[in-house]
Amino acid sequence: MCRNIRTLHNFEPAASHDEVHAAALQYVRKIAGTTKPSKANQEAFDRAVHEIAHITGHLLEDLVAVTPPKNREEEAAKARARAVASGRYSVA
């Protein structure tokens, strides 16, 4: 579940609201142990995602980077190359 959470700090362009929300959703899913909460837990689940996304946004704004921002496309290409080299994916 949580392997989908990506590093969001020190990228150009900066992480979008949607990326922060997706990371918060994955985190809450992992902690709750479910991808779809029951109706009784939906409000608490949604509130947790919202609050974690909000706090994560503040964290990303406050962090100071000492290295130049990474390029998203270059980092994605590196990740794809690592996945192919490990045998997890084949080149199509």
N, C-alpha and C. Protein backbone atom coordinates (compact mmCIF):
# COMPACT_ATOMS: atom_id res chain seq x y z
N MET A 1 0.82 -1.20 0.00
CA MET A 1 0.00 0.00 0.00
C MET A 1 0.86 1.26 0.00
N CYS A 2 1.79 1.39 0.95
CA CYS A 2 2.54 2.64 1.10
C CYS A 2 3.66 2.81 0.09
N ARG A 3 3.94 1.79 -0.69
CA ARG A 3 5.02 1.96 -1.67
C ARG A 3 4.67 3.05 -2.67
N ASN A 4 3.40 3.45 -2.73
CA ASN A 4 2.98 4.50 -3.65
C ASN A 4 3.26 5.90 -3.12
N ILE A 5 3.68 6.01 -1.88
CA ILE A 5 4.02 7.33 -1.35
C ILE A 5 5.40 7.69 -1.88
N ARG A 6 5.49 8.82 -2.54
CA ARG A 6 6.73 9.29 -3.15
C ARG A 6 7.29 10.47 -2.36
N THR A 7 8.59 10.65 -2.48
CA THR A 7 9.21 11.83 -1.90
C THR A 7 8.63 13.07 -2.59
N LEU A 8 8.23 14.04 -1.82
CA LEU A 8 7.61 15.24 -2.36
C LEU A 8 8.47 16.48 -2.19
N HIS A 9 9.50 16.39 -1.39
CA HIS A 9 10.34 17.55 -1.08
C HIS A 9 11.44 17.75 -2.12
N ASN A 10 11.71 19.00 -2.43
CA ASN A 10 12.83 19.44 -3.26
C ASN A 10 12.71 19.00 -4.72
N PHE A 11 11.53 19.21 -5.28
CA PHE A 11 11.31 18.96 -6.70
C PHE A 11 10.89 20.26 -7.38
N GLU A 12 11.21 20.35 -8.64
CA GLU A 12 10.78 21.49 -9.45
C GLU A 12 9.99 20.93 -10.62
N PRO A 13 8.74 21.25 -10.77
CA PRO A 13 7.94 22.12 -9.91
C PRO A 13 7.61 21.44 -8.58
N ALA A 14 7.24 22.26 -7.62
CA ALA A 14 6.92 21.76 -6.28
C ALA A 14 5.73 20.80 -6.34
N ALA A 15 5.61 19.98 -5.30
CA ALA A 15 4.51 19.02 -5.22
C ALA A 15 3.17 19.74 -5.30
N SER A 16 2.26 19.17 -6.07
CA SER A 16 0.93 19.75 -6.22
C SER A 16 0.05 19.32 -5.04
N HIS A 17 -1.07 20.01 -4.91
CA HIS A 17 -2.05 19.65 -3.88
C HIS A 17 -2.50 18.20 -4.08
N ASP A 18 -2.70 17.79 -5.33
CA ASP A 18 -3.14 16.43 -5.61
C ASP A 18 -2.10 15.40 -5.17
N GLU A 19 -0.82 15.69 -5.37
CA GLU A 19 0.23 14.77 -4.94
C GLU A 19 0.28 14.66 -3.42
N VAL A 20 0.13 15.78 -2.74
CA VAL A 20 0.13 15.78 -1.28
C VAL A 20 -1.08 15.00 -0.77
N HIS A 21 -2.24 15.22 -1.38
CA HIS A 21 -3.46 14.51 -0.98
C HIS A 21 -3.30 13.00 -1.21
N ALA A 22 -2.74 12.61 -2.35
CA ALA A 22 -2.55 11.19 -2.64
C ALA A 22 -1.63 10.52 -1.62
N ALA A 23 -0.58 11.22 -1.22
CA ALA A 23 0.33 10.67 -0.21
C ALA A 23 -0.38 10.54 1.14
N ALA A 24 -1.18 11.54 1.51
CA ALA A 24 -1.93 11.48 2.76
C ALA A 24 -2.94 10.33 2.73
N LEU A 25 -3.60 10.15 1.61
CA LEU A 25 -4.56 9.06 1.46
C LEU A 25 -3.87 7.70 1.62
N GLN A 26 -2.72 7.51 0.99
CA GLN A 26 -1.99 6.26 1.12
C GLN A 26 -1.56 6.02 2.57
N TYR A 27 -1.13 7.07 3.23
CA TYR A 27 -0.72 6.95 4.63
C TYR A 27 -1.89 6.52 5.51
N VAL A 28 -3.03 7.17 5.35
CA VAL A 28 -4.20 6.84 6.17
C VAL A 28 -4.68 5.43 5.86
N ARG A 29 -4.66 5.05 4.60
CA ARG A 29 -5.04 3.68 4.23
C ARG A 29 -4.15 2.65 4.94
N LYS A 30 -2.86 2.93 4.98
CA LYS A 30 -1.92 2.01 5.63
C LYS A 30 -2.19 1.93 7.12
N ILE A 31 -2.34 3.06 7.76
CA ILE A 31 -2.57 3.10 9.20
C ILE A 31 -3.89 2.44 9.56
N ALA A 32 -4.94 2.71 8.76
CA ALA A 32 -6.27 2.16 9.03
C ALA A 32 -6.36 0.68 8.65
N GLY A 33 -5.47 0.24 7.76
CA GLY A 33 -5.50 -1.15 7.34
C GLY A 33 -6.59 -1.44 6.33
N THR A 34 -7.06 -0.41 5.65
CA THR A 34 -8.12 -0.60 4.67
C THR A 34 -8.02 0.45 3.57
N THR A 35 -8.42 0.07 2.38
CA THR A 35 -8.46 1.05 1.30
C THR A 35 -9.83 1.71 1.20
N LYS A 36 -10.84 1.07 1.78
CA LYS A 36 -12.19 1.63 1.76
C LYS A 36 -12.80 1.47 3.14
N PRO A 37 -12.93 2.57 3.88
CA PRO A 37 -13.48 2.46 5.23
C PRO A 37 -14.99 2.19 5.19
N SER A 38 -15.49 1.67 6.28
CA SER A 38 -16.93 1.46 6.40
C SER A 38 -17.63 2.82 6.48
N LYS A 39 -18.93 2.81 6.28
CA LYS A 39 -19.69 4.07 6.37
C LYS A 39 -19.55 4.69 7.76
N ALA A 40 -19.44 3.86 8.77
CA ALA A 40 -19.30 4.36 10.14
C ALA A 40 -17.96 5.07 10.35
N ASN A 41 -16.94 4.69 9.57
CA ASN A 41 -15.60 5.27 9.72
C ASN A 41 -15.24 6.28 8.64
N GLN A 42 -16.10 6.47 7.66
CA GLN A 42 -15.78 7.32 6.51
C GLN A 42 -15.43 8.75 6.92
N GLU A 43 -16.20 9.33 7.83
CA GLU A 43 -15.95 10.72 8.24
C GLU A 43 -14.59 10.87 8.91
N ALA A 44 -14.27 9.95 9.82
CA ALA A 44 -12.98 10.01 10.51
C ALA A 44 -11.85 9.80 9.51
N PHE A 45 -12.02 8.88 8.57
CA PHE A 45 -11.03 8.59 7.54
C PHE A 45 -10.77 9.83 6.68
N ASP A 46 -11.85 10.44 6.19
CA ASP A 46 -11.72 11.64 5.35
C ASP A 46 -11.10 12.80 6.11
N ARG A 47 -11.48 12.96 7.37
CA ARG A 47 -10.92 14.04 8.18
C ARG A 47 -9.41 13.83 8.38
N ALA A 48 -9.00 12.60 8.62
CA ALA A 48 -7.58 12.30 8.80
C ALA A 48 -6.81 12.61 7.51
N VAL A 49 -7.34 12.21 6.37
CA VAL A 49 -6.67 12.50 5.09
C VAL A 49 -6.52 14.01 4.92
N HIS A 50 -7.58 14.75 5.18
CA HIS A 50 -7.56 16.20 5.02
C HIS A 50 -6.51 16.83 5.96
N GLU A 51 -6.52 16.43 7.22
CA GLU A 51 -5.60 17.02 8.19
C GLU A 51 -4.14 16.66 7.88
N ILE A 52 -3.89 15.43 7.49
CA ILE A 52 -2.52 15.02 7.17
C ILE A 52 -2.03 15.75 5.93
N ALA A 53 -2.89 15.89 4.93
CA ALA A 53 -2.51 16.64 3.73
C ALA A 53 -2.20 18.09 4.08
N HIS A 54 -3.00 18.68 4.95
CA HIS A 54 -2.79 20.07 5.37
C HIS A 54 -1.44 20.23 6.07
N ILE A 55 -1.16 19.37 7.02
CA ILE A 55 0.09 19.43 7.77
C ILE A 55 1.28 19.14 6.85
N THR A 56 1.11 18.19 5.94
CA THR A 56 2.18 17.87 4.99
C THR A 56 2.51 19.09 4.13
N GLY A 57 1.49 19.81 3.71
CA GLY A 57 1.71 21.03 2.94
C GLY A 57 2.55 22.03 3.70
N HIS A 58 2.24 22.21 4.99
CA HIS A 58 3.03 23.11 5.83
C HIS A 58 4.47 22.62 5.96
N LEU A 59 4.63 21.32 6.15
CA LEU A 59 5.97 20.75 6.27
C LEU A 59 6.78 21.03 5.01
N LEU A 60 6.20 20.78 3.85
CA LEU A 60 6.92 21.00 2.59
C LEU A 60 7.28 22.47 2.40
N GLU A 61 6.41 23.37 2.84
CA GLU A 61 6.71 24.80 2.74
C GLU A 61 7.86 25.21 3.66
N ASP A 62 7.96 24.55 4.81
CA ASP A 62 8.94 24.94 5.82
C ASP A 62 10.31 24.29 5.66
N LEU A 63 10.37 23.16 4.95
CA LEU A 63 11.65 22.47 4.79
C LEU A 63 12.62 23.31 3.95
N VAL A 64 13.88 23.27 4.32
CA VAL A 64 14.92 23.99 3.61
C VAL A 64 15.78 22.96 2.88
N ALA A 65 15.99 23.17 1.60
CA ALA A 65 16.82 22.27 0.80
C ALA A 65 18.21 22.86 0.65
N VAL A 66 19.21 22.00 0.77
CA VAL A 66 20.59 22.45 0.60
C VAL A 66 21.13 22.04 -0.77
N THR A 67 20.36 21.25 -1.49
CA THR A 67 20.75 20.84 -2.84
C THR A 67 19.77 21.43 -3.84
N PRO A 68 20.17 21.53 -5.10
CA PRO A 68 19.25 22.05 -6.11
C PRO A 68 18.04 21.14 -6.26
N PRO A 69 16.90 21.71 -6.64
CA PRO A 69 15.70 20.89 -6.83
C PRO A 69 15.91 19.83 -7.91
N LYS A 70 15.28 18.68 -7.70
CA LYS A 70 15.37 17.59 -8.67
C LYS A 70 14.32 17.79 -9.76
N ASN A 71 14.64 17.28 -10.94
CA ASN A 71 13.72 17.34 -12.07
C ASN A 71 12.83 16.10 -12.03
N ARG A 72 11.52 16.30 -12.06
CA ARG A 72 10.58 15.18 -11.95
C ARG A 72 10.75 14.15 -13.06
N GLU A 73 10.91 14.62 -14.29
CA GLU A 73 11.02 13.69 -15.42
C GLU A 73 12.30 12.86 -15.33
N GLU A 74 13.40 13.50 -14.94
CA GLU A 74 14.66 12.78 -14.79
C GLU A 74 14.57 11.73 -13.69
N GLU A 75 13.95 12.08 -12.57
CA GLU A 75 13.81 11.14 -11.46
C GLU A 75 12.90 9.98 -11.84
N ALA A 76 11.84 10.25 -12.59
CA ALA A 76 10.93 9.19 -13.05
C ALA A 76 11.66 8.25 -13.99
N ALA A 77 12.49 8.80 -14.88
CA ALA A 77 13.25 7.96 -15.81
C ALA A 77 14.24 7.07 -15.05
N LYS A 78 14.87 7.62 -14.02
CA LYS A 78 15.79 6.82 -13.20
C LYS A 78 15.04 5.68 -12.50
N ALA A 79 13.85 5.98 -11.98
CA ALA A 79 13.06 4.97 -11.28
C ALA A 79 12.64 3.86 -12.25
N ARG A 80 12.24 4.24 -13.47
CA ARG A 80 11.88 3.23 -14.47
C ARG A 80 13.08 2.36 -14.80
N ALA A 81 14.24 2.97 -14.97
CA ALA A 81 15.45 2.21 -15.29
C ALA A 81 15.80 1.24 -14.16
N ARG A 82 15.64 1.68 -12.90
CA ARG A 82 15.91 0.79 -11.76
C ARG A 82 14.94 -0.39 -11.75
N ALA A 83 13.67 -0.11 -12.06
CA ALA A 83 12.66 -1.17 -12.08
C ALA A 83 12.95 -2.19 -13.17
N VAL A 84 13.36 -1.73 -14.34
CA VAL A 84 13.70 -2.64 -15.43
C VAL A 84 14.94 -3.46 -15.07
N ALA A 85 15.95 -2.79 -14.52
CA ALA A 85 17.19 -3.48 -14.14
C ALA A 85 16.95 -4.54 -13.07
N SER A 86 15.98 -4.31 -12.19
CA SER A 86 15.71 -5.27 -11.12
C SER A 86 14.88 -6.45 -11.61
N GLY A 87 14.34 -6.34 -12.82
CA GLY A 87 13.52 -7.42 -13.36
C GLY A 87 12.06 -7.32 -13.02
N ARG A 88 11.67 -6.25 -12.31
CA ARG A 88 10.26 -6.08 -11.95
C ARG A 88 9.40 -5.76 -13.16
N TYR A 89 9.98 -5.09 -14.12
CA TYR A 89 9.26 -4.70 -15.33
C TYR A 89 10.12 -5.00 -16.53
N SER A 90 9.47 -5.28 -17.63
CA SER A 90 10.22 -5.48 -18.87
C SER A 90 10.03 -4.27 -19.75
N VAL A 91 10.95 -4.06 -20.65
CA VAL A 91 10.86 -2.96 -21.59
C VAL A 91 9.91 -3.39 -22.69
N ALA A 92 8.87 -2.60 -22.90
CA ALA A 92 7.87 -2.97 -23.92
C ALA A 92 8.09 -2.22 -25.20
